[in-house]
Amino acid sequence: MLGVLAAGRRVAEAGTAFGEGAEAMARTARSVVTVELDPERAEVAAERLGPYTNVELLVGDWLELLPPRSPFELVFLDGGGFKHAPEVHGDLVFHLLEPGGLLVLDDLTPDRPGFDPVRAWAHGHTGLRAAEILTTPSTSALLVARVT
């Protein structure tokens, strides 16, 4: 899915881990900026991503490193705590996206009971439109488009 969404786009990823997602996007993206907080994980990812000249791997906090490089056409937030407190960083994430850009938030639980701040932010923001898709029988992702 990430490879399809990244095709021809300028992409950002928060939470590189070992580079699997970044590699999938790098195969089709125009460029990928990926950020990993853990230096040991980043070292493994750097080896995996070495053959891709369209990837910039940064080590540090995505909250500091991605905004100066924005806006992006696709943002994949796979780390960094956004899912635990979207109300804190929602404005920053919104501005990482160019108008018409897409945001992917994965590892959600479908049919989660009770209030979910991530879904509330994505569905309640006037500049965004969101849809949830199943990625496995027990997990889902939000695909969010910036419309303003």
Protein backbone atom coordinates (compact mmCIF):
# COMPACT_ATOMS: atom_id res chain seq x y z
CA MET A 1 0.00 0.00 0.00
CA LEU A 2 2.79 2.45 0.90
CA GLY A 3 4.51 1.93 -2.43
CA VAL A 4 1.32 2.71 -4.32
CA LEU A 5 0.57 5.83 -2.26
CA ALA A 6 4.17 7.06 -2.58
CA ALA A 7 4.38 6.75 -6.38
CA GLY A 8 5.92 9.92 -7.78
CA ARG A 9 5.47 11.84 -4.54
CA ARG A 10 7.68 13.71 -2.11
CA VAL A 11 7.35 11.59 1.06
CA ALA A 12 8.09 11.95 4.78
CA GLU A 13 8.15 9.17 7.35
CA ALA A 14 8.34 9.47 11.12
CA GLY A 15 9.52 6.23 12.71
CA THR A 16 11.91 4.57 10.26
CA ALA A 17 12.64 1.62 12.57
CA PHE A 18 14.63 -0.83 10.43
CA GLY A 19 13.65 0.77 7.11
CA GLU A 20 11.00 -1.59 5.73
CA GLY A 21 8.38 1.09 5.12
CA ALA A 22 10.90 3.60 3.80
CA GLU A 23 12.23 1.01 1.38
CA ALA A 24 8.74 0.22 0.07
CA MET A 25 8.10 3.92 -0.51
CA ALA A 26 11.57 4.60 -1.97
CA ARG A 27 10.90 2.13 -4.79
CA THR A 28 8.23 4.43 -6.24
CA ALA A 29 8.59 7.84 -4.57
CA ARG A 30 10.30 10.86 -6.06
CA SER A 31 12.00 11.37 -2.68
CA VAL A 32 11.75 10.11 0.90
CA VAL A 33 12.81 11.86 4.09
CA THR A 34 12.64 9.38 6.96
CA VAL A 35 13.40 10.04 10.63
CA GLU A 36 14.34 7.55 13.35
CA LEU A 37 14.95 8.47 16.98
CA ASP A 38 16.90 5.33 17.91
CA PRO A 39 20.48 5.45 16.54
CA GLU A 40 20.84 1.65 16.55
CA ARG A 41 17.68 1.17 14.47
CA ALA A 42 18.77 3.98 12.18
CA GLU A 43 22.08 2.22 11.59
CA VAL A 44 20.28 -0.94 10.43
CA ALA A 45 17.93 1.17 8.29
CA ALA A 46 20.87 3.05 6.74
CA GLU A 47 22.31 -0.23 5.48
CA ARG A 48 18.96 -1.30 4.03
CA LEU A 49 18.31 2.10 2.42
CA GLY A 50 21.87 2.64 1.14
CA PRO A 51 21.11 1.69 -2.48
CA TYR A 52 18.31 4.29 -2.73
CA THR A 53 19.61 7.67 -3.84
CA ASN A 54 16.17 9.24 -3.30
CA VAL A 55 16.20 8.62 0.49
CA GLU A 56 17.43 10.94 3.22
CA LEU A 57 17.65 9.17 6.59
CA LEU A 58 17.79 11.46 9.61
CA VAL A 59 18.44 10.48 13.22
CA GLY A 60 16.55 12.49 15.80
CA ASP A 61 13.09 13.82 16.64
CA TRP A 62 10.72 14.10 13.67
CA LEU A 63 8.94 16.99 15.41
CA GLU A 64 12.09 19.06 14.90
CA LEU A 65 13.48 17.57 11.68
CA LEU A 66 10.46 17.27 9.36
CA PRO A 67 8.81 20.72 9.60
CA PRO A 68 11.74 22.61 8.02
CA ARG A 69 11.59 20.21 5.04
CA SER A 70 7.81 20.38 4.59
CA PRO A 71 5.34 20.40 2.95
CA PHE A 72 5.12 16.82 1.70
CA GLU A 73 2.74 15.06 -0.65
CA LEU A 74 2.62 11.95 1.57
CA VAL A 75 3.37 11.64 5.28
CA PHE A 76 3.56 8.25 7.00
CA LEU A 77 3.49 8.65 10.78
CA ASP A 78 4.68 5.36 12.19
CA GLY A 79 6.21 6.61 15.42
CA GLY A 80 6.86 9.58 17.62
CA GLY A 81 3.83 9.45 19.88
CA PHE A 82 1.36 11.30 17.65
CA LYS A 83 -1.20 8.55 18.09
CA HIS A 84 -1.17 9.05 21.86
CA ALA A 85 -1.74 12.83 21.78
CA PRO A 86 -2.86 14.17 18.38
CA GLU A 87 -4.30 17.26 20.03
CA VAL A 88 -0.74 18.31 20.97
CA HIS A 89 0.87 17.96 17.52
CA GLY A 90 -2.15 18.04 15.20
CA ASP A 91 -1.44 21.51 13.81
CA LEU A 92 2.19 20.59 13.10
CA VAL A 93 1.13 17.40 11.30
CA PHE A 94 -1.51 19.29 9.29
CA HIS A 95 1.16 21.71 8.06
CA LEU A 96 3.55 18.88 7.10
CA LEU A 97 1.06 18.14 4.32
CA GLU A 98 0.70 20.24 1.22
CA PRO A 99 -2.91 20.86 0.11
CA GLY A 100 -4.03 17.62 -1.52
CA GLY A 101 -1.39 15.68 0.42
CA LEU A 102 -2.05 12.36 2.14
CA LEU A 103 -1.35 11.24 5.70
CA VAL A 104 -1.18 7.55 6.68
CA LEU A 105 -1.66 6.52 10.30
CA ASP A 106 -1.42 2.76 10.80
CA ASP A 107 -1.61 0.17 13.56
CA LEU A 108 -5.06 1.26 14.70
CA THR A 109 -7.59 -1.14 16.16
CA PRO A 110 -10.85 -1.36 14.19
CA ASP A 111 -14.04 -0.91 16.19
CA ARG A 112 -12.09 0.40 19.19
CA PRO A 113 -14.67 1.12 21.90
CA GLY A 114 -14.88 4.58 23.41
CA PHE A 115 -13.31 7.87 22.43
CA ASP A 116 -10.26 7.73 20.17
CA PRO A 117 -8.33 11.02 19.93
CA VAL A 118 -6.67 10.07 16.63
CA ARG A 119 -9.95 9.38 14.88
CA ALA A 120 -11.53 12.44 16.49
CA TRP A 121 -8.71 14.65 15.20
CA ALA A 122 -8.73 13.16 11.68
CA HIS A 123 -12.51 13.21 11.26
CA GLY A 124 -13.09 16.48 13.11
CA HIS A 125 -10.50 18.71 11.43
CA THR A 126 -12.16 20.98 8.88
CA GLY A 127 -9.13 20.84 6.57
CA LEU A 128 -8.99 17.05 6.44
CA ARG A 129 -11.01 14.14 5.07
CA ALA A 130 -10.34 10.68 6.49
CA ALA A 131 -11.21 7.10 5.67
CA GLU A 132 -10.32 3.98 7.62
CA ILE A 133 -9.28 0.76 5.90
CA LEU A 134 -8.55 -2.68 7.28
CA THR A 135 -4.93 -3.70 6.84
CA THR A 136 -5.34 -7.08 8.58
CA PRO A 137 -8.38 -8.66 10.26
CA SER A 138 -7.38 -6.96 13.55
CA THR A 139 -5.66 -3.71 12.46
CA SER A 140 -6.56 -0.70 10.39
CA ALA A 141 -5.06 2.48 8.98
CA LEU A 142 -6.42 5.96 8.55
CA LEU A 143 -5.88 7.54 5.16
CA VAL A 144 -6.24 11.28 5.60
CA ALA A 145 -6.25 13.90 2.83
CA ARG A 146 -5.58 17.58 3.37
CA VAL A 147 -8.30 19.44 1.47
CA THR A 148 -7.44 23.07 2.38
